[in-house]
Structures are given as C-alpha cells and as structure tokens.
C-alpha cells in the first residue's frame, strides 16, 4: 500500500479542510472600510464670493 505524503501532519490536513469550508479563516481580518460620503446641499456660510457674471 502507498504511504500518504502528509500522513504525519494530521493537523495540517485538518486546517486545509477547515479553510476550504470557510474562506474567512485565511489571512488577517481587517474591519470594513467605511464608504466616502460627500455633502449634498448647503453646508453653511462661506462668506462673500463676489460677482460671477451674467447667467
């Protein structure tokens, strides 16, 4: 009978099976990055801006 190459590394085999079932176990986990939001409307007084010309 042929001997398994990784036979003496049972924990190694178990970890490979676990990571195959749950991909979040691979690598470091970081908190989600919040999305960038831009103001949409009046944000307050900015002071006098001067004449902009005819519209």
PDB file of N, CA and C in Angstrom:
ATOM      1  N   UNK A   1       0.844  -1.182   0.000  1.00  0.00           N
ATOM      2  CA  UNK A   1       0.000   0.000   0.000  1.00  0.00           C
ATOM      3  C   UNK A   1       0.892   1.250   0.000  1.00  0.00           C
ATOM      4  N   UNK A   2       0.457   2.269  -0.688  1.00  0.00           N
ATOM      5  CA  UNK A   2       1.231   3.501  -0.800  1.00  0.00           C
ATOM      6  C   UNK A   2       1.015   4.380   0.433  1.00  0.00           C
ATOM      7  N   UNK A   3       2.111   4.893   0.978  1.00  0.00           N
ATOM      8  CA  UNK A   3       2.032   5.737   2.171  1.00  0.00           C
ATOM      9  C   UNK A   3       1.691   7.169   1.770  1.00  0.00           C
ATOM     10  N   UNK A   4       0.808   7.802   2.555  1.00  0.00           N
ATOM     11  CA  UNK A   4       0.441   9.193   2.278  1.00  0.00           C
ATOM     12  C   UNK A   4       1.636  10.106   2.526  1.00  0.00           C
ATOM     13  N   UNK A   5       1.812  11.076   1.652  1.00  0.00           N
ATOM     14  CA  UNK A   5       2.938  12.002   1.781  1.00  0.00           C
ATOM     15  C   UNK A   5       2.827  12.839   3.049  1.00  0.00           C
ATOM     16  N   UNK A   6       1.618  13.289   3.360  1.00  0.00           N
ATOM     17  CA  UNK A   6       1.411  14.166   4.513  1.00  0.00           C
ATOM     18  C   UNK A   6       0.782  13.399   5.684  1.00  0.00           C
ATOM     19  N   UNK A   7       0.988  12.106   5.750  1.00  0.00           N
ATOM     20  CA  UNK A   7       0.353  11.274   6.770  1.00  0.00           C
ATOM     21  C   UNK A   7       0.647  11.702   8.196  1.00  0.00           C
ATOM     22  N   UNK A   8       1.846  12.185   8.458  1.00  0.00           N
ATOM     23  CA  UNK A   8       2.185  12.563   9.831  1.00  0.00           C
ATOM     24  C   UNK A   8       1.747  13.983  10.180  1.00  0.00           C
ATOM     25  N   UNK A   9       1.134  14.689   9.261  1.00  0.00           N
ATOM     26  CA  UNK A   9       0.692  16.067   9.505  1.00  0.00           C
ATOM     27  C   UNK A   9      -0.832  16.134   9.523  1.00  0.00           C
ATOM     28  N   UNK A  10      -1.445  15.466  10.476  1.00  0.00           N
ATOM     29  CA  UNK A  10      -2.916  15.441  10.534  1.00  0.00           C
ATOM     30  C   UNK A  10      -3.494  16.841  10.760  1.00  0.00           C
ATOM     31  N   UNK A  11      -2.853  17.629  11.601  1.00  0.00           N
ATOM     32  CA  UNK A  11      -3.347  18.984  11.861  1.00  0.00           C
ATOM     33  C   UNK A  11      -3.293  19.822  10.593  1.00  0.00           C
ATOM     34  N   UNK A  12      -2.251  19.643   9.796  1.00  0.00           N
ATOM     35  CA  UNK A  12      -2.124  20.358   8.524  1.00  0.00           C
ATOM     36  C   UNK A  12      -3.298  20.024   7.610  1.00  0.00           C
ATOM     37  N   UNK A  13      -3.631  18.734   7.507  1.00  0.00           N
ATOM     38  CA  UNK A  13      -4.768  18.313   6.680  1.00  0.00           C
ATOM     39  C   UNK A  13      -6.068  18.895   7.209  1.00  0.00           C
ATOM     40  N   UNK A  14      -6.228  18.916   8.526  1.00  0.00           N
ATOM     41  CA  UNK A  14      -7.449  19.448   9.127  1.00  0.00           C
ATOM     42  C   UNK A  14      -7.588  20.938   8.837  1.00  0.00           C
ATOM     43  N   UNK A  15      -6.493  21.685   8.920  1.00  0.00           N
ATOM     44  CA  UNK A  15      -6.536  23.125   8.646  1.00  0.00           C
ATOM     45  C   UNK A  15      -6.890  23.396   7.192  1.00  0.00           C
ATOM     46  N   UNK A  16      -6.368  22.580   6.285  1.00  0.00           N
ATOM     47  CA  UNK A  16      -6.701  22.763   4.872  1.00  0.00           C
ATOM     48  C   UNK A  16      -8.178  22.521   4.621  1.00  0.00           C
ATOM     49  N   UNK A  17      -8.739  21.524   5.267  1.00  0.00           N
ATOM     50  CA  UNK A  17     -10.168  21.240   5.096  1.00  0.00           C
ATOM     51  C   UNK A  17     -10.989  22.383   5.685  1.00  0.00           C
ATOM     52  N   UNK A  18     -10.597  22.885   6.861  1.00  0.00           N
ATOM     53  CA  UNK A  18     -11.336  23.969   7.506  1.00  0.00           C
ATOM     54  C   UNK A  18     -11.309  25.236   6.663  1.00  0.00           C
ATOM     55  N   UNK A  19     -10.163  25.566   6.086  1.00  0.00           N
ATOM     56  CA  UNK A  19     -10.087  26.781   5.280  1.00  0.00           C
ATOM     57  C   UNK A  19     -10.824  26.615   3.966  1.00  0.00           C
ATOM     58  N   UNK A  20     -10.939  25.403   3.480  1.00  0.00           N
ATOM     59  CA  UNK A  20     -11.705  25.176   2.254  1.00  0.00           C
ATOM     60  C   UNK A  20     -13.186  25.414   2.506  1.00  0.00           C
ATOM     61  N   UNK A  21     -13.645  25.154   3.719  1.00  0.00           N
ATOM     62  CA  UNK A  21     -15.059  25.335   4.042  1.00  0.00           C
ATOM     63  C   UNK A  21     -15.382  26.775   4.421  1.00  0.00           C
ATOM     64  N   UNK A  22     -14.447  27.490   5.025  1.00  0.00           N
ATOM     65  CA  UNK A  22     -14.681  28.868   5.459  1.00  0.00           C
ATOM     66  C   UNK A  22     -13.510  29.732   5.000  1.00  0.00           C
ATOM     67  N   UNK A  23     -13.700  30.490   3.935  1.00  0.00           N
ATOM     68  CA  UNK A  23     -12.607  31.282   3.366  1.00  0.00           C
ATOM     69  C   UNK A  23     -12.173  32.435   4.266  1.00  0.00           C
ATOM     70  N   UNK A  24     -12.968  32.806   5.259  1.00  0.00           N
ATOM     71  CA  UNK A  24     -12.590  33.903   6.153  1.00  0.00           C
ATOM     72  C   UNK A  24     -11.488  33.498   7.126  1.00  0.00           C
ATOM     73  N   UNK A  25     -11.145  32.216   7.165  1.00  0.00           N
ATOM     74  CA  UNK A  25     -10.085  31.764   8.057  1.00  0.00           C
ATOM     75  C   UNK A  25      -8.706  31.999   7.474  1.00  0.00           C
ATOM     76  N   UNK A  26      -8.628  32.419   6.227  1.00  0.00           N
ATOM     77  CA  UNK A  26      -7.341  32.620   5.569  1.00  0.00           C
ATOM     78  C   UNK A  26      -6.904  34.070   5.729  1.00  0.00           C
ATOM     79  N   UNK A  27      -5.703  34.285   6.211  1.00  0.00           N
ATOM     80  CA  UNK A  27      -5.126  35.620   6.284  1.00  0.00           C
ATOM     81  C   UNK A  27      -5.688  36.461   7.410  1.00  0.00           C
ATOM     82  N   UNK A  28      -5.150  37.663   7.559  1.00  0.00           N
ATOM     83  CA  UNK A  28      -5.630  38.554   8.617  1.00  0.00           C
ATOM     84  C   UNK A  28      -6.995  39.123   8.268  1.00  0.00           C
ATOM     85  N   UNK A  29      -7.739  39.447   9.288  1.00  0.00           N
ATOM     86  CA  UNK A  29      -9.052  40.055   9.065  1.00  0.00           C
ATOM     87  C   UNK A  29      -8.987  41.512   9.502  1.00  0.00           C
ATOM     88  N   UNK A  30      -9.459  42.391   8.679  1.00  0.00           N
ATOM     89  CA  UNK A  30      -9.467  43.820   8.958  1.00  0.00           C
ATOM     90  C   UNK A  30     -10.905  44.304   9.040  1.00  0.00           C
ATOM     91  N   UNK A  31     -11.160  45.378   9.800  1.00  0.00           N
ATOM     92  CA  UNK A  31     -12.514  45.919   9.846  1.00  0.00           C
ATOM     93  C   UNK A  31     -12.901  46.471   8.481  1.00  0.00           C
ATOM     94  N   UNK A  32     -14.198  46.495   8.174  1.00  0.00           N
ATOM     95  CA  UNK A  32     -14.622  47.024   6.877  1.00  0.00           C
ATOM     96  C   UNK A  32     -14.275  48.503   6.741  1.00  0.00           C
ATOM     97  N   UNK A  33     -13.946  48.923   5.538  1.00  0.00           N
ATOM     98  CA  UNK A  33     -13.609  50.315   5.264  1.00  0.00           C
ATOM     99  C   UNK A  33     -14.908  51.081   5.019  1.00  0.00           C
ATOM    100  N   UNK A  34     -15.158  52.157   5.774  1.00  0.00           N
ATOM    101  CA  UNK A  34     -16.394  52.915   5.561  1.00  0.00           C
ATOM    102  C   UNK A  34     -16.371  53.623   4.211  1.00  0.00           C
ATOM    103  N   UNK A  35     -17.540  53.759   3.626  1.00  0.00           N
ATOM    104  CA  UNK A  35     -17.621  54.430   2.333  1.00  0.00           C
ATOM    105  C   UNK A  35     -17.428  55.936   2.499  1.00  0.00           C
ATOM    106  N   UNK A  36     -16.976  56.590   1.446  1.00  0.00           N
ATOM    107  CA  UNK A  36     -16.758  58.036   1.459  1.00  0.00           C
ATOM    108  C   UNK A  36     -18.080  58.718   1.137  1.00  0.00           C
ATOM    109  N   UNK A  37     -18.444  59.712   1.940  1.00  0.00           N
ATOM    110  CA  UNK A  37     -19.679  60.465   1.686  1.00  0.00           C
ATOM    111  C   UNK A  37     -19.328  61.928   1.454  1.00  0.00           C
ATOM    112  N   UNK A  38     -19.996  62.523   0.512  1.00  0.00           N
ATOM    113  CA  UNK A  38     -19.799  63.928   0.191  1.00  0.00           C
ATOM    114  C   UNK A  38     -21.055  64.705   0.563  1.00  0.00           C
ATOM    115  N   UNK A  39     -20.906  65.958   0.995  1.00  0.00           N
ATOM    116  CA  UNK A  39     -22.086  66.757   1.316  1.00  0.00           C
ATOM    117  C   UNK A  39     -22.934  66.997   0.068  1.00  0.00           C
ATOM    118  N   UNK A  40     -24.245  66.938   0.239  1.00  0.00           N
ATOM    119  CA  UNK A  40     -25.157  67.143  -0.899  1.00  0.00           C
ATOM    120  C   UNK A  40     -26.145  68.254  -0.557  1.00  0.00           C
ATOM    121  N   UNK A  41     -25.717  69.450  -0.615  1.00  0.00           N
ATOM    122  CA  UNK A  41     -26.605  70.565  -0.317  1.00  0.00           C
ATOM    123  C   UNK A  41     -25.860  71.642   0.444  1.00  0.00           C
ATOM    124  N   UNK A  42     -26.603  72.593   0.967  1.00  0.00           N
ATOM    125  CA  UNK A  42     -25.973  73.693   1.695  1.00  0.00           C
ATOM    126  C   UNK A  42     -25.198  73.173   2.902  1.00  0.00           C
ATOM    127  N   UNK A  43     -24.007  73.703   3.074  1.00  0.00           N
ATOM    128  CA  UNK A  43     -23.187  73.278   4.204  1.00  0.00           C
ATOM    129  C   UNK A  43     -22.870  74.423   5.150  1.00  0.00           C
ATOM    130  N   UNK A  44     -23.452  75.573   4.918  1.00  0.00           N
ATOM    131  CA  UNK A  44     -23.202  76.700   5.807  1.00  0.00           C
ATOM    132  C   UNK A  44     -22.586  77.861   5.064  1.00  0.00           C
ATOM    133  N   UNK A  45     -22.469  78.979   5.750  1.00  0.00           N
ATOM    134  CA  UNK A  45     -21.940  80.183   5.133  1.00  0.00           C
ATOM    135  C   UNK A  45     -20.465  80.056   4.798  1.00  0.00           C
ATOM    136  N   UNK A  46     -20.091  80.565   3.625  1.00  0.00           N
ATOM    137  CA  UNK A  46     -18.686  80.551   3.230  1.00  0.00           C
ATOM    138  C   UNK A  46     -18.144  81.957   3.038  1.00  0.00           C
ATOM    139  N   UNK A  47     -18.971  82.953   3.294  1.00  0.00           N
ATOM    140  CA  UNK A  47     -18.511  84.325   3.133  1.00  0.00           C
ATOM    141  C   UNK A  47     -18.842  84.859   1.755  1.00  0.00           C
ATOM    142  N   UNK A  48     -18.562  86.151   1.526  1.00  0.00           N
ATOM    143  CA  UNK A  48     -18.889  86.754   0.234  1.00  0.00           C
ATOM    144  C   UNK A  48     -18.029  86.159  -0.880  1.00  0.00           C
ATOM    145  N   UNK A  49     -18.663  85.949  -2.033  1.00  0.00           N
ATOM    146  CA  UNK A  49     -17.933  85.373  -3.161  1.00  0.00           C
ATOM    147  C   UNK A  49     -17.771  86.351  -4.305  1.00  0.00           C
ATOM    148  N   UNK A  50     -18.507  87.427  -4.316  1.00  0.00           N
ATOM    149  CA  UNK A  50     -18.366  88.408  -5.388  1.00  0.00           C
ATOM    150  C   UNK A  50     -19.266  88.094  -6.572  1.00  0.00           C
ATOM    151  N   UNK A  51     -19.157  88.940  -7.572  1.00  0.00           N
ATOM    152  CA  UNK A  51     -19.999  88.823  -8.753  1.00  0.00           C
ATOM    153  C   UNK A  51     -19.474  87.691  -9.635  1.00  0.00           C
ATOM    154  N   UNK A  52     -20.400  86.895 -10.192  1.00  0.00           N
ATOM    155  CA  UNK A  52     -19.987  85.788 -11.055  1.00  0.00           C
ATOM    156  C   UNK A  52     -20.259  86.067 -12.522  1.00  0.00           C
ATOM    157  N   UNK A  53     -20.893  87.176 -12.832  1.00  0.00           N
ATOM    158  CA  UNK A  53     -21.166  87.494 -14.231  1.00  0.00           C
ATOM    159  C   UNK A  53     -22.593  87.145 -14.609  1.00  0.00           C
ATOM    160  N   UNK A  54     -22.983  87.475 -15.852  1.00  0.00           N
ATOM    161  CA  UNK A  54     -24.358  87.214 -16.278  1.00  0.00           C
ATOM    162  C   UNK A  54     -24.618  85.708 -16.396  1.00  0.00           C
ATOM    163  N   UNK A  55     -25.854  85.357 -16.083  1.00  0.00           N
ATOM    164  CA  UNK A  55     -26.245  83.944 -16.200  1.00  0.00           C
ATOM    165  C   UNK A  55     -27.364  83.778 -17.191  1.00  0.00           C
TER     166      UNK A  55
END
